[in-house]
Each structure stands twice: as C-alpha cells, then as structure tokens.
Amino acid sequence: MREKDLCDLCGGKLKHKKVDLELHIQKELLICEGLPADVCKQCGEKYFDAKVSAKIDEFVKKYKKEKPLRYIPVPVFSGNLVLE
C-alpha cells in the first residue's frame, strides 16, 4: 500500500470521492459542492490534490464575482446555548 493511501491523522484508508467543502470567509459561509477528494474511511478527514487546492485558492480570491447556484438559510446560534 502506498503511503498516500493512508490518512495522516489516524492511519485509516483513503477513498476517492466527491465531497462538499465549507469555506468560512470573514462572516460568510460558502459551500462548494462536488469537489474531488480523498476521504479517510475512519475519521472523515478530506485531502485535496495540489491542482484542486490551487483552484480553491483562486476561487476564494474571486468568489464575489461568481453567481451561486442557490442560496440556503443557515441558522446561527449563540455559543452560550451550547455551553449552558
């Protein structure tokens, strides 16, 4: 088995699949759907190859010029509710 087939965090096996990525930029939440990644079967850690990572970096710089596919409501709760 090649070293890149194992998770750096837990040593679990990786499986190639399409994933969604949540990006938190300042006070905005962006969701990018269907990105190719290697995902750990054990802990769920996502690994993007260099080409995909570079494309994500480019997107972050220009996302305000792009039109999203759709908008979804996202509820926001106070941390105090969690800590009570």
N, C-alpha and C. Protein backbone atom coordinates (compact mmCIF):
# COMPACT_ATOMS: atom_id res chain seq x y z
N MET A 1 0.85 -1.18 0.00
CA MET A 1 0.00 0.00 0.00
C MET A 1 0.89 1.25 0.00
N ARG A 2 0.55 2.21 -0.85
CA ARG A 2 1.33 3.45 -0.91
C ARG A 2 1.00 4.33 0.29
N GLU A 3 1.98 5.14 0.70
CA GLU A 3 1.79 6.00 1.87
C GLU A 3 0.64 6.98 1.69
N LYS A 4 0.42 7.49 0.46
CA LYS A 4 -0.65 8.46 0.24
C LYS A 4 -2.03 7.84 0.31
N ASP A 5 -2.10 6.54 0.44
CA ASP A 5 -3.38 5.85 0.57
C ASP A 5 -3.86 5.81 2.02
N LEU A 6 -3.05 6.36 2.93
CA LEU A 6 -3.40 6.35 4.36
C LEU A 6 -3.56 7.76 4.90
N CYS A 7 -4.46 7.91 5.84
CA CYS A 7 -4.73 9.20 6.49
C CYS A 7 -3.54 9.61 7.36
N ASP A 8 -3.14 10.87 7.23
CA ASP A 8 -2.06 11.40 8.06
C ASP A 8 -2.46 11.50 9.53
N LEU A 9 -3.75 11.65 9.81
CA LEU A 9 -4.19 11.82 11.19
C LEU A 9 -4.36 10.52 11.95
N CYS A 10 -5.03 9.54 11.32
CA CYS A 10 -5.35 8.33 12.07
C CYS A 10 -4.82 7.04 11.43
N GLY A 11 -4.28 7.15 10.21
CA GLY A 11 -3.76 5.96 9.54
C GLY A 11 -4.81 5.14 8.80
N GLY A 12 -6.07 5.64 8.77
CA GLY A 12 -7.13 4.93 8.07
C GLY A 12 -6.94 4.96 6.56
N LYS A 13 -7.67 4.09 5.87
CA LYS A 13 -7.59 4.02 4.41
C LYS A 13 -8.37 5.17 3.78
N LEU A 14 -7.84 5.69 2.65
CA LEU A 14 -8.48 6.78 1.94
C LEU A 14 -9.29 6.25 0.77
N LYS A 15 -10.41 6.90 0.49
CA LYS A 15 -11.25 6.55 -0.65
C LYS A 15 -11.50 7.81 -1.45
N HIS A 16 -11.35 7.72 -2.78
CA HIS A 16 -11.57 8.87 -3.64
C HIS A 16 -13.07 9.05 -3.86
N LYS A 17 -13.57 10.28 -3.63
CA LYS A 17 -14.98 10.56 -3.85
C LYS A 17 -15.21 12.05 -3.99
N LYS A 18 -16.42 12.44 -4.30
CA LYS A 18 -16.81 13.85 -4.40
C LYS A 18 -17.32 14.30 -3.03
N VAL A 19 -16.88 15.49 -2.61
CA VAL A 19 -17.27 16.00 -1.30
C VAL A 19 -17.71 17.45 -1.40
N ASP A 20 -18.36 17.91 -0.36
CA ASP A 20 -18.70 19.32 -0.22
C ASP A 20 -17.69 19.96 0.72
N LEU A 21 -17.34 21.20 0.43
CA LEU A 21 -16.38 21.93 1.24
C LEU A 21 -17.02 23.19 1.77
N GLU A 22 -16.96 23.39 3.08
CA GLU A 22 -17.46 24.61 3.70
C GLU A 22 -16.29 25.57 3.88
N LEU A 23 -16.46 26.77 3.36
CA LEU A 23 -15.44 27.81 3.49
C LEU A 23 -16.00 28.93 4.34
N HIS A 24 -15.29 29.30 5.39
CA HIS A 24 -15.70 30.41 6.25
C HIS A 24 -14.78 31.58 5.93
N ILE A 25 -15.34 32.61 5.27
CA ILE A 25 -14.56 33.78 4.89
C ILE A 25 -15.17 34.98 5.56
N GLN A 26 -14.43 35.56 6.50
CA GLN A 26 -14.92 36.63 7.35
C GLN A 26 -16.21 36.16 7.99
N LYS A 27 -17.34 36.79 7.72
CA LYS A 27 -18.60 36.34 8.33
C LYS A 27 -19.49 35.63 7.33
N GLU A 28 -18.91 35.15 6.24
CA GLU A 28 -19.68 34.45 5.23
C GLU A 28 -19.36 32.96 5.25
N LEU A 29 -20.38 32.17 4.99
CA LEU A 29 -20.22 30.72 4.85
C LEU A 29 -20.50 30.39 3.39
N LEU A 30 -19.53 29.79 2.72
CA LEU A 30 -19.69 29.36 1.34
C LEU A 30 -19.61 27.84 1.31
N ILE A 31 -20.41 27.23 0.46
CA ILE A 31 -20.37 25.78 0.31
C ILE A 31 -20.06 25.47 -1.16
N CYS A 32 -19.01 24.73 -1.37
CA CYS A 32 -18.63 24.28 -2.72
C CYS A 32 -18.95 22.79 -2.79
N GLU A 33 -19.84 22.44 -3.71
CA GLU A 33 -20.30 21.05 -3.82
C GLU A 33 -19.53 20.27 -4.88
N GLY A 34 -19.36 18.98 -4.62
CA GLY A 34 -18.86 18.06 -5.63
C GLY A 34 -17.39 18.18 -5.97
N LEU A 35 -16.55 18.49 -4.99
CA LEU A 35 -15.12 18.57 -5.24
C LEU A 35 -14.47 17.19 -5.08
N PRO A 36 -13.54 16.84 -5.97
CA PRO A 36 -12.87 15.55 -5.83
C PRO A 36 -11.87 15.58 -4.68
N ALA A 37 -11.90 14.55 -3.86
CA ALA A 37 -11.00 14.47 -2.71
C ALA A 37 -10.79 13.02 -2.32
N ASP A 38 -9.73 12.79 -1.56
CA ASP A 38 -9.52 11.50 -0.91
C ASP A 38 -10.00 11.68 0.52
N VAL A 39 -10.88 10.80 0.95
CA VAL A 39 -11.51 10.92 2.27
C VAL A 39 -11.18 9.69 3.11
N CYS A 40 -10.77 9.93 4.35
CA CYS A 40 -10.46 8.83 5.26
C CYS A 40 -11.75 8.10 5.64
N LYS A 41 -11.74 6.78 5.47
CA LYS A 41 -12.90 5.96 5.83
C LYS A 41 -13.10 5.90 7.34
N GLN A 42 -12.03 6.16 8.10
CA GLN A 42 -12.10 6.03 9.55
C GLN A 42 -12.50 7.34 10.24
N CYS A 43 -11.82 8.46 9.92
CA CYS A 43 -12.08 9.71 10.64
C CYS A 43 -12.74 10.80 9.79
N GLY A 44 -12.82 10.59 8.46
CA GLY A 44 -13.50 11.55 7.61
C GLY A 44 -12.66 12.72 7.12
N GLU A 45 -11.39 12.75 7.46
CA GLU A 45 -10.50 13.84 7.01
C GLU A 45 -10.48 13.86 5.48
N LYS A 46 -10.52 15.09 4.90
CA LYS A 46 -10.54 15.26 3.45
C LYS A 46 -9.17 15.73 2.97
N TYR A 47 -8.71 15.16 1.87
CA TYR A 47 -7.44 15.55 1.26
C TYR A 47 -7.70 15.93 -0.20
N PHE A 48 -7.31 17.15 -0.56
CA PHE A 48 -7.44 17.63 -1.93
C PHE A 48 -6.06 17.61 -2.57
N ASP A 49 -5.99 17.24 -3.86
CA ASP A 49 -4.69 17.25 -4.52
C ASP A 49 -4.28 18.70 -4.80
N ALA A 50 -3.04 18.89 -5.24
CA ALA A 50 -2.49 20.23 -5.42
C ALA A 50 -3.29 21.04 -6.44
N LYS A 51 -3.74 20.41 -7.50
CA LYS A 51 -4.50 21.12 -8.53
C LYS A 51 -5.83 21.63 -7.98
N VAL A 52 -6.55 20.79 -7.26
CA VAL A 52 -7.83 21.19 -6.67
C VAL A 52 -7.60 22.27 -5.62
N SER A 53 -6.57 22.12 -4.80
CA SER A 53 -6.26 23.14 -3.78
C SER A 53 -5.97 24.49 -4.41
N ALA A 54 -5.23 24.50 -5.51
CA ALA A 54 -4.92 25.75 -6.21
C ALA A 54 -6.21 26.38 -6.76
N LYS A 55 -7.11 25.56 -7.29
CA LYS A 55 -8.38 26.07 -7.81
C LYS A 55 -9.23 26.65 -6.68
N ILE A 56 -9.22 26.01 -5.51
CA ILE A 56 -9.95 26.54 -4.35
C ILE A 56 -9.38 27.90 -3.97
N ASP A 57 -8.05 28.02 -3.92
CA ASP A 57 -7.41 29.30 -3.59
C ASP A 57 -7.80 30.39 -4.58
N GLU A 58 -7.83 30.05 -5.88
CA GLU A 58 -8.23 31.01 -6.91
C GLU A 58 -9.68 31.43 -6.70
N PHE A 59 -10.54 30.47 -6.41
CA PHE A 59 -11.96 30.75 -6.20
C PHE A 59 -12.16 31.71 -5.03
N VAL A 60 -11.46 31.50 -3.94
CA VAL A 60 -11.60 32.34 -2.75
C VAL A 60 -11.29 33.80 -3.09
N LYS A 61 -10.33 34.02 -3.97
CA LYS A 61 -9.95 35.38 -4.35
C LYS A 61 -11.01 36.08 -5.19
N LYS A 62 -11.82 35.32 -5.94
CA LYS A 62 -12.76 35.93 -6.88
C LYS A 62 -14.22 35.53 -6.67
N TYR A 63 -14.55 34.87 -5.56
CA TYR A 63 -15.89 34.31 -5.41
C TYR A 63 -17.00 35.35 -5.47
N LYS A 64 -16.73 36.58 -5.08
CA LYS A 64 -17.77 37.61 -5.08
C LYS A 64 -18.22 37.96 -6.50
N LYS A 65 -17.42 37.63 -7.50
CA LYS A 65 -17.78 37.89 -8.89
C LYS A 65 -18.60 36.75 -9.50
N GLU A 66 -18.68 35.63 -8.80
CA GLU A 66 -19.39 34.45 -9.29
C GLU A 66 -20.84 34.46 -8.81
N LYS A 67 -21.71 33.84 -9.58
CA LYS A 67 -23.11 33.71 -9.19
C LYS A 67 -23.31 32.32 -8.58
N PRO A 68 -23.79 32.26 -7.34
CA PRO A 68 -24.01 30.94 -6.71
C PRO A 68 -25.14 30.18 -7.39
N LEU A 69 -25.11 28.86 -7.27
CA LEU A 69 -26.18 28.03 -7.81
C LEU A 69 -27.50 28.29 -7.09
N ARG A 70 -27.41 28.49 -5.78
CA ARG A 70 -28.60 28.74 -4.96
C ARG A 70 -28.17 29.29 -3.60
N TYR A 71 -29.12 29.78 -2.87
CA TYR A 71 -28.91 30.24 -1.50
C TYR A 71 -29.70 29.33 -0.57
N ILE A 72 -29.13 29.06 0.60
CA ILE A 72 -29.84 28.27 1.60
C ILE A 72 -29.79 29.02 2.94
N PRO A 73 -30.87 28.94 3.71
CA PRO A 73 -30.83 29.57 5.03
C PRO A 73 -29.96 28.76 5.98
N VAL A 74 -29.19 29.44 6.78
CA VAL A 74 -28.32 28.78 7.75
C VAL A 74 -28.59 29.37 9.12
N PRO A 75 -29.12 28.58 10.05
CA PRO A 75 -29.36 29.10 11.39
C PRO A 75 -28.04 29.33 12.14
N VAL A 76 -28.01 30.38 12.94
CA VAL A 76 -26.83 30.70 13.73
C VAL A 76 -27.25 30.77 15.19
N PHE A 77 -26.53 30.07 16.05
CA PHE A 77 -26.84 30.04 17.47
C PHE A 77 -25.70 30.62 18.28
N SER A 78 -26.01 31.16 19.42
CA SER A 78 -25.01 31.68 20.34
C SER A 78 -24.24 30.53 20.99
N GLY A 79 -22.95 30.73 21.20
CA GLY A 79 -22.15 29.74 21.91
C GLY A 79 -22.65 29.53 23.33
N ASN A 80 -23.32 30.54 23.89
CA ASN A 80 -23.86 30.41 25.25
C ASN A 80 -24.89 29.28 25.34
N LEU A 81 -25.66 29.08 24.27
CA LEU A 81 -26.64 27.98 24.28
C LEU A 81 -25.95 26.63 24.35
N VAL A 82 -24.82 26.52 23.72
CA VAL A 82 -24.08 25.26 23.71
C VAL A 82 -23.48 25.00 25.09
N LEU A 83 -23.01 26.05 25.73
CA LEU A 83 -22.29 25.91 27.00
C LEU A 83 -23.19 25.82 28.22
N GLU A 84 -24.49 26.06 28.05
CA GLU A 84 -25.40 26.01 29.20
C GLU A 84 -25.65 24.59 29.66
